[in-house]
Amino acid sequence: MSSDPLAEWRAEINSRDALINDPEGQTAKLVGLAMLASRRRQVSLEELNEMLELCDAARLWALSQWEEAEHLGIFASEPFDSDEDMGILRVGR
């Protein structure tokens, strides 16, 4: 259990790597921290609402990053066809 959920939420909302690596898991963590901060009366209900909206926006941002990466072919599983393909990093699934 976090000793300061509000401070932890503030740090985690800016963790782009964590959001991109696990959008759903990081969002759940952020929501949990926001709710805990509310229960501990660190934030008002209005602030809680804004925090939850930011959680959702962060999740949507991370998912859009995944979609863009897919569109660019970053996660393509086929091998490189030529040296020209080396401009795009491809990671096998």
N, C-alpha and C. Protein backbone atom coordinates (compact mmCIF):
# COMPACT_ATOMS: atom_id res chain seq x y z
N MET A 1 0.84 -1.18 0.00
CA MET A 1 0.00 0.00 0.00
C MET A 1 0.89 1.24 0.00
N SER A 2 0.54 2.20 -0.80
CA SER A 2 1.33 3.42 -0.96
C SER A 2 1.17 4.34 0.25
N SER A 3 2.30 4.89 0.68
CA SER A 3 2.22 5.84 1.79
C SER A 3 1.73 7.20 1.32
N ASP A 4 1.94 7.51 0.03
CA ASP A 4 1.45 8.76 -0.55
C ASP A 4 0.94 8.49 -1.97
N PRO A 5 -0.31 8.02 -2.07
CA PRO A 5 -0.84 7.65 -3.38
C PRO A 5 -0.89 8.81 -4.38
N LEU A 6 -1.09 10.02 -3.90
CA LEU A 6 -1.14 11.16 -4.81
C LEU A 6 0.23 11.41 -5.45
N ALA A 7 1.27 11.37 -4.65
CA ALA A 7 2.62 11.55 -5.20
C ALA A 7 2.97 10.42 -6.16
N GLU A 8 2.59 9.20 -5.81
CA GLU A 8 2.86 8.06 -6.69
C GLU A 8 2.07 8.19 -7.99
N TRP A 9 0.81 8.63 -7.91
CA TRP A 9 0.00 8.82 -9.11
C TRP A 9 0.65 9.85 -10.03
N ARG A 10 1.11 10.95 -9.44
CA ARG A 10 1.77 12.01 -10.24
C ARG A 10 3.00 11.47 -10.96
N ALA A 11 3.75 10.62 -10.31
CA ALA A 11 4.94 10.05 -10.95
C ALA A 11 4.55 9.06 -12.03
N GLU A 12 3.56 8.22 -11.74
CA GLU A 12 3.16 7.17 -12.68
C GLU A 12 2.45 7.69 -13.92
N ILE A 13 1.71 8.79 -13.80
CA ILE A 13 0.99 9.33 -14.96
C ILE A 13 1.97 9.80 -16.02
N ASN A 14 3.20 10.13 -15.62
CA ASN A 14 4.22 10.58 -16.56
C ASN A 14 5.13 9.46 -17.04
N SER A 15 4.86 8.24 -16.62
CA SER A 15 5.70 7.10 -17.01
C SER A 15 5.25 6.55 -18.36
N ARG A 16 5.77 7.14 -19.43
CA ARG A 16 5.36 6.74 -20.77
C ARG A 16 5.72 5.29 -21.07
N ASP A 17 6.89 4.87 -20.62
CA ASP A 17 7.30 3.48 -20.88
C ASP A 17 6.32 2.49 -20.27
N ALA A 18 5.92 2.74 -19.04
CA ALA A 18 4.98 1.83 -18.38
C ALA A 18 3.63 1.83 -19.10
N LEU A 19 3.20 2.99 -19.56
CA LEU A 19 1.92 3.07 -20.28
C LEU A 19 1.98 2.31 -21.60
N ILE A 20 3.08 2.48 -22.32
CA ILE A 20 3.19 1.81 -23.62
C ILE A 20 3.37 0.30 -23.44
N ASN A 21 4.14 -0.11 -22.45
CA ASN A 21 4.38 -1.54 -22.25
C ASN A 21 3.15 -2.29 -21.77
N ASP A 22 2.30 -1.64 -20.99
CA ASP A 22 1.10 -2.30 -20.46
C ASP A 22 -0.01 -1.26 -20.24
N PRO A 23 -0.65 -0.82 -21.34
CA PRO A 23 -1.67 0.23 -21.19
C PRO A 23 -2.77 -0.11 -20.19
N GLU A 24 -3.28 -1.33 -20.25
CA GLU A 24 -4.38 -1.70 -19.36
C GLU A 24 -3.91 -1.81 -17.91
N GLY A 25 -2.79 -2.44 -17.70
CA GLY A 25 -2.27 -2.63 -16.35
C GLY A 25 -1.88 -1.31 -15.70
N GLN A 26 -1.23 -0.44 -16.46
CA GLN A 26 -0.82 0.86 -15.91
C GLN A 26 -2.04 1.72 -15.63
N THR A 27 -3.05 1.65 -16.49
CA THR A 27 -4.27 2.41 -16.25
C THR A 27 -4.95 1.92 -14.97
N ALA A 28 -5.01 0.62 -14.78
CA ALA A 28 -5.61 0.08 -13.56
C ALA A 28 -4.84 0.56 -12.33
N LYS A 29 -3.52 0.59 -12.42
CA LYS A 29 -2.71 1.07 -11.31
C LYS A 29 -3.00 2.54 -11.02
N LEU A 30 -3.08 3.34 -12.09
CA LEU A 30 -3.37 4.77 -11.93
C LEU A 30 -4.74 5.00 -11.30
N VAL A 31 -5.75 4.27 -11.77
CA VAL A 31 -7.09 4.40 -11.21
C VAL A 31 -7.09 4.01 -9.73
N GLY A 32 -6.40 2.93 -9.41
CA GLY A 32 -6.32 2.50 -8.01
C GLY A 32 -5.67 3.55 -7.13
N LEU A 33 -4.60 4.16 -7.62
CA LEU A 33 -3.92 5.21 -6.84
C LEU A 33 -4.82 6.44 -6.69
N ALA A 34 -5.54 6.79 -7.74
CA ALA A 34 -6.45 7.94 -7.66
C ALA A 34 -7.56 7.68 -6.64
N MET A 35 -8.12 6.49 -6.67
CA MET A 35 -9.18 6.15 -5.72
C MET A 35 -8.65 6.15 -4.29
N LEU A 36 -7.45 5.63 -4.11
CA LEU A 36 -6.85 5.62 -2.77
C LEU A 36 -6.59 7.04 -2.28
N ALA A 37 -6.11 7.91 -3.18
CA ALA A 37 -5.89 9.31 -2.81
C ALA A 37 -7.21 9.97 -2.40
N SER A 38 -8.29 9.60 -3.07
CA SER A 38 -9.60 10.15 -2.72
C SER A 38 -10.06 9.64 -1.36
N ARG A 39 -9.90 8.33 -1.14
CA ARG A 39 -10.31 7.76 0.16
C ARG A 39 -9.52 8.37 1.31
N ARG A 40 -8.28 8.73 1.05
CA ARG A 40 -7.45 9.35 2.09
C ARG A 40 -7.64 10.87 2.13
N ARG A 41 -8.58 11.35 1.36
CA ARG A 41 -8.94 12.77 1.33
C ARG A 41 -7.77 13.66 0.91
N GLN A 42 -6.92 13.12 0.03
CA GLN A 42 -5.84 13.93 -0.53
C GLN A 42 -6.34 14.79 -1.68
N VAL A 43 -7.47 14.38 -2.27
CA VAL A 43 -8.06 15.12 -3.40
C VAL A 43 -9.56 15.21 -3.20
N SER A 44 -10.14 16.24 -3.79
CA SER A 44 -11.60 16.40 -3.74
C SER A 44 -12.23 15.49 -4.80
N LEU A 45 -13.55 15.40 -4.78
CA LEU A 45 -14.24 14.59 -5.79
C LEU A 45 -14.03 15.16 -7.19
N GLU A 46 -13.99 16.47 -7.30
CA GLU A 46 -13.72 17.11 -8.59
C GLU A 46 -12.32 16.76 -9.09
N GLU A 47 -11.35 16.81 -8.20
CA GLU A 47 -9.98 16.44 -8.58
C GLU A 47 -9.89 14.97 -8.94
N LEU A 48 -10.61 14.12 -8.21
CA LEU A 48 -10.65 12.70 -8.53
C LEU A 48 -11.19 12.49 -9.94
N ASN A 49 -12.26 13.19 -10.27
CA ASN A 49 -12.84 13.08 -11.60
C ASN A 49 -11.81 13.45 -12.67
N GLU A 50 -11.08 14.53 -12.46
CA GLU A 50 -10.05 14.95 -13.42
C GLU A 50 -8.92 13.92 -13.51
N MET A 51 -8.55 13.35 -12.37
CA MET A 51 -7.50 12.33 -12.37
C MET A 51 -7.94 11.11 -13.17
N LEU A 52 -9.20 10.71 -13.00
CA LEU A 52 -9.71 9.55 -13.73
C LEU A 52 -9.81 9.83 -15.22
N GLU A 53 -10.16 11.06 -15.59
CA GLU A 53 -10.17 11.44 -17.00
C GLU A 53 -8.76 11.39 -17.58
N LEU A 54 -7.79 11.84 -16.81
CA LEU A 54 -6.40 11.78 -17.27
C LEU A 54 -5.93 10.33 -17.42
N CYS A 55 -6.38 9.46 -16.52
CA CYS A 55 -6.05 8.03 -16.63
C CYS A 55 -6.55 7.48 -17.96
N ASP A 56 -7.79 7.81 -18.29
CA ASP A 56 -8.38 7.34 -19.53
C ASP A 56 -7.65 7.92 -20.74
N ALA A 57 -7.31 9.21 -20.67
CA ALA A 57 -6.58 9.85 -21.77
C ALA A 57 -5.20 9.21 -21.94
N ALA A 58 -4.54 8.89 -20.84
CA ALA A 58 -3.22 8.25 -20.92
C ALA A 58 -3.33 6.87 -21.56
N ARG A 59 -4.37 6.12 -21.21
CA ARG A 59 -4.60 4.80 -21.80
C ARG A 59 -4.83 4.92 -23.30
N LEU A 60 -5.67 5.88 -23.70
CA LEU A 60 -5.94 6.07 -25.13
C LEU A 60 -4.68 6.50 -25.88
N TRP A 61 -3.86 7.34 -25.26
CA TRP A 61 -2.60 7.74 -25.87
C TRP A 61 -1.71 6.52 -26.10
N ALA A 62 -1.57 5.68 -25.08
CA ALA A 62 -0.72 4.49 -25.19
C ALA A 62 -1.23 3.55 -26.28
N LEU A 63 -2.54 3.36 -26.33
CA LEU A 63 -3.10 2.49 -27.36
C LEU A 63 -2.89 3.07 -28.75
N SER A 64 -2.96 4.40 -28.89
CA SER A 64 -2.70 5.02 -30.19
C SER A 64 -1.24 4.84 -30.60
N GLN A 65 -0.34 4.82 -29.62
CA GLN A 65 1.07 4.58 -29.92
C GLN A 65 1.26 3.16 -30.46
N TRP A 66 0.56 2.20 -29.86
CA TRP A 66 0.60 0.81 -30.36
C TRP A 66 0.07 0.74 -31.78
N GLU A 67 -1.05 1.43 -32.02
CA GLU A 67 -1.66 1.40 -33.35
C GLU A 67 -0.72 2.01 -34.39
N GLU A 68 -0.08 3.11 -34.04
CA GLU A 68 0.86 3.75 -34.96
C GLU A 68 2.06 2.84 -35.23
N ALA A 69 2.55 2.18 -34.20
CA ALA A 69 3.67 1.26 -34.38
C ALA A 69 3.29 0.11 -35.30
N GLU A 70 2.09 -0.40 -35.14
CA GLU A 70 1.60 -1.47 -36.01
C GLU A 70 1.53 -0.98 -37.45
N HIS A 71 1.00 0.22 -37.63
CA HIS A 71 0.85 0.79 -38.97
C HIS A 71 2.21 0.99 -39.65
N LEU A 72 3.21 1.39 -38.87
CA LEU A 72 4.55 1.59 -39.40
C LEU A 72 5.28 0.28 -39.67
N GLY A 73 4.75 -0.81 -39.17
CA GLY A 73 5.37 -2.11 -39.37
C GLY A 73 6.45 -2.44 -38.36
N ILE A 74 6.48 -1.74 -37.27
CA ILE A 74 7.51 -1.98 -36.26
C ILE A 74 7.41 -3.38 -35.68
N PHE A 75 6.20 -3.90 -35.61
CA PHE A 75 6.01 -5.23 -35.03
C PHE A 75 5.86 -6.31 -36.08
N ALA A 76 6.27 -6.02 -37.31
CA ALA A 76 6.17 -7.00 -38.38
C ALA A 76 7.02 -8.22 -38.06
N SER A 77 6.50 -9.39 -38.35
CA SER A 77 7.22 -10.61 -37.99
C SER A 77 8.06 -11.15 -39.14
N GLU A 78 7.90 -10.60 -40.35
CA GLU A 78 8.69 -11.12 -41.47
C GLU A 78 10.12 -10.58 -41.40
N PRO A 79 11.07 -11.31 -41.96
CA PRO A 79 12.47 -10.86 -41.91
C PRO A 79 12.67 -9.65 -42.82
N PHE A 80 13.80 -8.96 -42.65
CA PHE A 80 14.14 -7.83 -43.50
C PHE A 80 14.32 -8.30 -44.93
N ASP A 81 13.77 -7.54 -45.89
CA ASP A 81 13.93 -7.88 -47.30
C ASP A 81 15.22 -7.31 -47.87
N SER A 82 15.66 -6.18 -47.36
CA SER A 82 16.87 -5.56 -47.88
C SER A 82 17.45 -4.63 -46.84
N ASP A 83 18.59 -4.03 -47.19
CA ASP A 83 19.20 -3.08 -46.28
C ASP A 83 18.33 -1.84 -46.09
N GLU A 84 17.47 -1.55 -47.06
CA GLU A 84 16.57 -0.39 -46.94
C GLU A 84 15.59 -0.57 -45.79
N ASP A 85 15.22 -1.81 -45.49
CA ASP A 85 14.29 -2.08 -44.40
C ASP A 85 14.90 -1.80 -43.03
N MET A 86 16.20 -1.66 -42.98
CA MET A 86 16.86 -1.44 -41.70
C MET A 86 16.50 -0.07 -41.09
N GLY A 87 15.87 0.80 -41.87
CA GLY A 87 15.46 2.08 -41.36
C GLY A 87 14.33 1.98 -40.36
N ILE A 88 13.62 0.88 -40.41
CA ILE A 88 12.51 0.64 -39.47
C ILE A 88 12.87 -0.56 -38.61
N LEU A 89 12.82 -0.39 -37.32
CA LEU A 89 13.11 -1.48 -36.40
C LEU A 89 11.95 -2.46 -36.42
N ARG A 90 12.22 -3.70 -36.69
CA ARG A 90 11.16 -4.72 -36.71
C ARG A 90 11.45 -5.73 -35.61
N VAL A 91 10.45 -5.99 -34.82
CA VAL A 91 10.58 -6.91 -33.70
C VAL A 91 9.61 -8.05 -33.94
N GLY A 92 10.10 -9.29 -33.87
CA GLY A 92 9.23 -10.45 -34.03
C GLY A 92 8.28 -10.57 -32.86
N ARG A 93 7.13 -11.13 -33.13
CA ARG A 93 6.13 -11.30 -32.07
C ARG A 93 6.38 -12.54 -31.29
